[in-house]
Amino acid sequence: MQMEIAKNTVVTLEYTVRDSDGNMIDDGEHPLVYLHGGYDGIFPLLEEALHGKKVGERFQVKLQPEDAFGDYDEELVLVEEVGQFPENIEVGMSFERVTDDGEEDLVYRITDIADGKVVVDGNHPLAGIALIFDGSVASVRAASKEEITHGHVHGEGGHHH
């Protein structure tokens, strides 16, 4: 009997992700391997759609921005003095901003450098974009006790400590 996707199974997906205009976001070169059952390995709505599927079954799930990387937030775009940055910065670089109490905040990307100012954007690069996941279930297996305890996959394609 074929195992179906259920809580505490390790699932391997062959997939692609496109935006709503059909542009490729992720060509799925590396299959997605995750622990199923609310461990935050993948977007909750995608996990819900996959529940109960078996190996070989296809899926297509469209996620609105709020179900994926969130809506685009204009307030996360900041303009800073270039003097606050190291000298060798360039557009496309990312850095974590640390708050005054030492907490790591958001990851900001540099989107523009001009006239002594640096524009940084704390939005995820895919914020505000609807994503279409298209693919099939490549494998399903029972998770090990260790994987369940740790809340993620170990071994091939999984997380390594």
C-alpha atoms as a PDB file:
ATOM      1  CA  MET A   1       0.000   0.000   0.000  1.00  0.00           C
ATOM      2  CA  GLN A   2       1.260   3.463  -0.875  1.00  0.00           C
ATOM      3  CA  MET A   3       1.899   5.821   1.980  1.00  0.00           C
ATOM      4  CA  GLU A   4       0.083   9.119   1.792  1.00  0.00           C
ATOM      5  CA  ILE A   5       1.192  12.490   3.085  1.00  0.00           C
ATOM      6  CA  ALA A   6       0.182  12.754   6.730  1.00  0.00           C
ATOM      7  CA  LYS A   7       1.537  14.237   9.970  1.00  0.00           C
ATOM      8  CA  ASN A   8       5.119  13.097  10.663  1.00  0.00           C
ATOM      9  CA  THR A   9       5.900  11.953   7.138  1.00  0.00           C
ATOM     10  CA  VAL A  10       8.933  13.175   5.225  1.00  0.00           C
ATOM     11  CA  VAL A  11       7.855  14.406   1.810  1.00  0.00           C
ATOM     12  CA  THR A  12       9.967  15.031  -1.286  1.00  0.00           C
ATOM     13  CA  LEU A  13       8.440  17.293  -3.932  1.00  0.00           C
ATOM     14  CA  GLU A  14       9.514  17.844  -7.530  1.00  0.00           C
ATOM     15  CA  TYR A  15       8.245  21.332  -8.262  1.00  0.00           C
ATOM     16  CA  THR A  16       8.518  24.694  -9.951  1.00  0.00           C
ATOM     17  CA  VAL A  17       7.366  28.088  -8.729  1.00  0.00           C
ATOM     18  CA  ARG A  18       6.174  30.840 -11.068  1.00  0.00           C
ATOM     19  CA  ASP A  19       4.627  34.241 -10.477  1.00  0.00           C
ATOM     20  CA  SER A  20       1.144  35.040 -11.761  1.00  0.00           C
ATOM     21  CA  ASP A  21       2.639  36.271 -15.071  1.00  0.00           C
ATOM     22  CA  GLY A  22       4.279  32.877 -15.606  1.00  0.00           C
ATOM     23  CA  ASN A  23       7.840  34.031 -14.860  1.00  0.00           C
ATOM     24  CA  MET A  24      10.010  31.315 -13.313  1.00  0.00           C
ATOM     25  CA  ILE A  25      10.849  32.065  -9.660  1.00  0.00           C
ATOM     26  CA  ASP A  26      12.299  28.652  -8.719  1.00  0.00           C
ATOM     27  CA  ASP A  27      13.051  25.998 -11.318  1.00  0.00           C
ATOM     28  CA  GLY A  28      13.038  23.289  -8.642  1.00  0.00           C
ATOM     29  CA  GLU A  29      16.521  22.092  -9.545  1.00  0.00           C
ATOM     30  CA  HIS A  30      16.779  20.788  -5.982  1.00  0.00           C
ATOM     31  CA  PRO A  31      13.707  18.850  -4.850  1.00  0.00           C
ATOM     32  CA  LEU A  32      11.998  20.181  -1.742  1.00  0.00           C
ATOM     33  CA  VAL A  33      12.221  17.809   1.225  1.00  0.00           C
ATOM     34  CA  TYR A  34      10.223  18.672   4.338  1.00  0.00           C
ATOM     35  CA  LEU A  35       8.639  17.206   7.464  1.00  0.00           C
ATOM     36  CA  HIS A  36       4.837  17.294   7.097  1.00  0.00           C
ATOM     37  CA  GLY A  37       2.528  18.206   9.942  1.00  0.00           C
ATOM     38  CA  GLY A  38       2.762  21.854  10.967  1.00  0.00           C
ATOM     39  CA  TYR A  39       6.544  22.146  11.485  1.00  0.00           C
ATOM     40  CA  ASP A  40       6.760  25.316   9.345  1.00  0.00           C
ATOM     41  CA  GLY A  41       8.869  23.528   6.722  1.00  0.00           C
ATOM     42  CA  ILE A  42       6.712  24.954   3.937  1.00  0.00           C
ATOM     43  CA  PHE A  43       3.884  27.476   3.618  1.00  0.00           C
ATOM     44  CA  PRO A  44       0.848  26.270   5.644  1.00  0.00           C
ATOM     45  CA  LEU A  45      -1.554  26.584   2.690  1.00  0.00           C
ATOM     46  CA  LEU A  46       0.738  24.493   0.476  1.00  0.00           C
ATOM     47  CA  GLU A  47       1.087  21.886   3.215  1.00  0.00           C
ATOM     48  CA  GLU A  48      -2.709  21.763   3.565  1.00  0.00           C
ATOM     49  CA  ALA A  49      -3.133  21.173  -0.181  1.00  0.00           C
ATOM     50  CA  LEU A  50      -0.599  18.312  -0.116  1.00  0.00           C
ATOM     51  CA  HIS A  51      -2.137  16.495   2.852  1.00  0.00           C
ATOM     52  CA  GLY A  52      -3.386  13.033   1.851  1.00  0.00           C
ATOM     53  CA  LYS A  53      -1.627  12.985  -1.536  1.00  0.00           C
ATOM     54  CA  LYS A  54       0.365   9.921  -2.639  1.00  0.00           C
ATOM     55  CA  VAL A  55       3.599   9.450  -4.615  1.00  0.00           C
ATOM     56  CA  GLY A  56       3.114  10.450  -8.255  1.00  0.00           C
ATOM     57  CA  GLU A  57       0.142  12.721  -7.588  1.00  0.00           C
ATOM     58  CA  ARG A  58       0.385  16.188  -9.116  1.00  0.00           C
ATOM     59  CA  PHE A  59      -0.513  19.447  -7.440  1.00  0.00           C
ATOM     60  CA  GLN A  60      -0.900  23.086  -8.354  1.00  0.00           C
ATOM     61  CA  VAL A  61      -1.332  25.619  -5.587  1.00  0.00           C
ATOM     62  CA  LYS A  62      -1.590  29.381  -5.993  1.00  0.00           C
ATOM     63  CA  LEU A  63      -0.532  31.352  -2.938  1.00  0.00           C
ATOM     64  CA  GLN A  64      -1.539  34.975  -2.549  1.00  0.00           C
ATOM     65  CA  PRO A  65       1.173  37.248  -1.097  1.00  0.00           C
ATOM     66  CA  GLU A  66      -0.325  37.047   2.409  1.00  0.00           C
ATOM     67  CA  ASP A  67      -0.009  33.225   2.277  1.00  0.00           C
ATOM     68  CA  ALA A  68       3.584  33.350   1.013  1.00  0.00           C
ATOM     69  CA  PHE A  69       6.127  36.120   1.715  1.00  0.00           C
ATOM     70  CA  GLY A  70       3.643  38.801   2.753  1.00  0.00           C
ATOM     71  CA  ASP A  71       2.472  42.030   1.210  1.00  0.00           C
ATOM     72  CA  TYR A  72       5.002  44.656   0.151  1.00  0.00           C
ATOM     73  CA  ASP A  73       5.497  47.148   2.988  1.00  0.00           C
ATOM     74  CA  GLU A  74       6.639  50.631   1.899  1.00  0.00           C
ATOM     75  CA  GLU A  75       7.702  51.383   5.496  1.00  0.00           C
ATOM     76  CA  LEU A  76      10.485  48.790   5.208  1.00  0.00           C
ATOM     77  CA  VAL A  77      12.218  50.888   2.545  1.00  0.00           C
ATOM     78  CA  LEU A  78      14.738  53.166   4.227  1.00  0.00           C
ATOM     79  CA  VAL A  79      17.127  55.819   2.963  1.00  0.00           C
ATOM     80  CA  GLU A  80      20.362  55.997   4.956  1.00  0.00           C
ATOM     81  CA  GLU A  81      23.543  58.035   4.774  1.00  0.00           C
ATOM     82  CA  VAL A  82      26.269  56.184   2.831  1.00  0.00           C
ATOM     83  CA  GLY A  83      28.667  56.858   5.753  1.00  0.00           C
ATOM     84  CA  GLN A  84      26.774  54.326   7.870  1.00  0.00           C
ATOM     85  CA  PHE A  85      27.905  51.497   5.590  1.00  0.00           C
ATOM     86  CA  PRO A  86      31.255  49.824   4.839  1.00  0.00           C
ATOM     87  CA  GLU A  87      33.044  51.322   1.818  1.00  0.00           C
ATOM     88  CA  ASN A  88      32.705  48.352  -0.525  1.00  0.00           C
ATOM     89  CA  ILE A  89      28.903  48.108  -0.587  1.00  0.00           C
ATOM     90  CA  GLU A  90      27.032  47.506  -3.819  1.00  0.00           C
ATOM     91  CA  VAL A  91      23.437  47.115  -4.963  1.00  0.00           C
ATOM     92  CA  GLY A  92      22.092  43.646  -4.224  1.00  0.00           C
ATOM     93  CA  MET A  93      24.049  43.118  -1.000  1.00  0.00           C
ATOM     94  CA  SER A  94      22.063  42.021   2.037  1.00  0.00           C
ATOM     95  CA  PHE A  95      22.681  42.521   5.716  1.00  0.00           C
ATOM     96  CA  GLU A  96      20.830  41.948   8.971  1.00  0.00           C
ATOM     97  CA  ARG A  97      19.936  44.997  10.941  1.00  0.00           C
ATOM     98  CA  VAL A  98      20.430  44.566  14.654  1.00  0.00           C
ATOM     99  CA  THR A  99      18.065  46.495  16.914  1.00  0.00           C
ATOM    100  CA  ASP A 100      19.277  48.628  19.828  1.00  0.00           C
ATOM    101  CA  ASP A 101      18.757  45.749  22.292  1.00  0.00           C
ATOM    102  CA  GLY A 102      20.951  43.455  20.197  1.00  0.00           C
ATOM    103  CA  GLU A 103      18.103  41.495  18.591  1.00  0.00           C
ATOM    104  CA  GLU A 104      18.550  40.570  14.944  1.00  0.00           C
ATOM    105  CA  ASP A 105      15.881  42.360  12.999  1.00  0.00           C
ATOM    106  CA  LEU A 106      15.062  41.979   9.339  1.00  0.00           C
ATOM    107  CA  VAL A 107      17.346  41.251   6.440  1.00  0.00           C
ATOM    108  CA  TYR A 108      17.706  44.382   4.308  1.00  0.00           C
ATOM    109  CA  ARG A 109      18.840  44.446   0.678  1.00  0.00           C
ATOM    110  CA  ILE A 110      20.575  47.442  -0.889  1.00  0.00           C
ATOM    111  CA  THR A 111      18.438  48.505  -3.856  1.00  0.00           C
ATOM    112  CA  ASP A 112      20.093  51.808  -4.783  1.00  0.00           C
ATOM    113  CA  ILE A 113      23.167  53.896  -4.017  1.00  0.00           C
ATOM    114  CA  ALA A 114      23.189  57.502  -5.199  1.00  0.00           C
ATOM    115  CA  ASP A 115      24.183  60.996  -4.086  1.00  0.00           C
ATOM    116  CA  GLY A 116      25.636  59.873  -0.757  1.00  0.00           C
ATOM    117  CA  LYS A 117      22.472  57.951   0.121  1.00  0.00           C
ATOM    118  CA  VAL A 118      21.793  54.222   0.289  1.00  0.00           C
ATOM    119  CA  VAL A 119      18.304  52.827  -0.264  1.00  0.00           C
ATOM    120  CA  VAL A 120      17.689  49.603   1.658  1.00  0.00           C
ATOM    121  CA  ASP A 121      14.617  47.394   1.477  1.00  0.00           C
ATOM    122  CA  GLY A 122      13.571  45.070   4.312  1.00  0.00           C
ATOM    123  CA  ASN A 123      10.899  43.347   2.248  1.00  0.00           C
ATOM    124  CA  HIS A 124      11.500  39.766   1.111  1.00  0.00           C
ATOM    125  CA  PRO A 125      12.387  39.851  -2.630  1.00  0.00           C
ATOM    126  CA  LEU A 126       9.112  37.970  -3.296  1.00  0.00           C
ATOM    127  CA  ALA A 127       6.918  40.136  -1.042  1.00  0.00           C
ATOM    128  CA  GLY A 128       3.732  41.239  -2.764  1.00  0.00           C
ATOM    129  CA  ILE A 129       3.963  38.474  -5.382  1.00  0.00           C
ATOM    130  CA  ALA A 130       1.443  35.662  -5.816  1.00  0.00           C
ATOM    131  CA  LEU A 131       3.264  32.341  -6.259  1.00  0.00           C
ATOM    132  CA  ILE A 132       2.100  29.302  -8.218  1.00  0.00           C
ATOM    133  CA  PHE A 133       3.584  25.996  -7.045  1.00  0.00           C
ATOM    134  CA  ASP A 134       3.316  23.250  -9.630  1.00  0.00           C
ATOM    135  CA  GLY A 135       4.668  19.769  -9.195  1.00  0.00           C
ATOM    136  CA  SER A 136       4.327  16.214  -8.048  1.00  0.00           C
ATOM    137  CA  VAL A 137       4.971  14.124  -4.965  1.00  0.00           C
ATOM    138  CA  ALA A 138       8.279  12.275  -5.504  1.00  0.00           C
ATOM    139  CA  SER A 139       8.396  10.307  -2.247  1.00  0.00           C
ATOM    140  CA  VAL A 140       6.767   9.913   1.145  1.00  0.00           C
ATOM    141  CA  ARG A 141       8.260   8.074   4.111  1.00  0.00           C
ATOM    142  CA  ALA A 142       7.697   7.888   7.838  1.00  0.00           C
ATOM    143  CA  ALA A 143       9.807  10.397   9.764  1.00  0.00           C
ATOM    144  CA  SER A 144      12.295   9.115  12.336  1.00  0.00           C
ATOM    145  CA  LYS A 145      11.769   9.860  16.041  1.00  0.00           C
ATOM    146  CA  GLU A 146      14.781  12.189  15.888  1.00  0.00           C
ATOM    147  CA  GLU A 147      13.321  14.149  12.946  1.00  0.00           C
ATOM    148  CA  ILE A 148       9.994  14.545  14.740  1.00  0.00           C
ATOM    149  CA  THR A 149      11.750  15.677  17.939  1.00  0.00           C
ATOM    150  CA  HIS A 150      13.852  18.220  16.036  1.00  0.00           C
ATOM    151  CA  GLY A 151      10.965  19.302  13.801  1.00  0.00           C
ATOM    152  CA  HIS A 152      12.891  18.936  10.517  1.00  0.00           C
ATOM    153  CA  VAL A 153      14.338  16.396   8.087  1.00  0.00           C
ATOM    154  CA  HIS A 154      17.791  14.894   8.586  1.00  0.00           C
ATOM    155  CA  GLY A 155      20.064  13.185   6.064  1.00  0.00           C
ATOM    156  CA  GLU A 156      19.676  13.367   2.274  1.00  0.00           C
ATOM    157  CA  GLY A 157      18.441  16.847   1.285  1.00  0.00           C
ATOM    158  CA  GLY A 158      17.598  17.597   4.897  1.00  0.00           C
ATOM    159  CA  HIS A 159      19.027  19.767   7.621  1.00  0.00           C
ATOM    160  CA  HIS A 160      22.490  19.090   9.031  1.00  0.00           C
ATOM    161  CA  HIS A 161      23.561  20.233  12.492  1.00  0.00           C
END
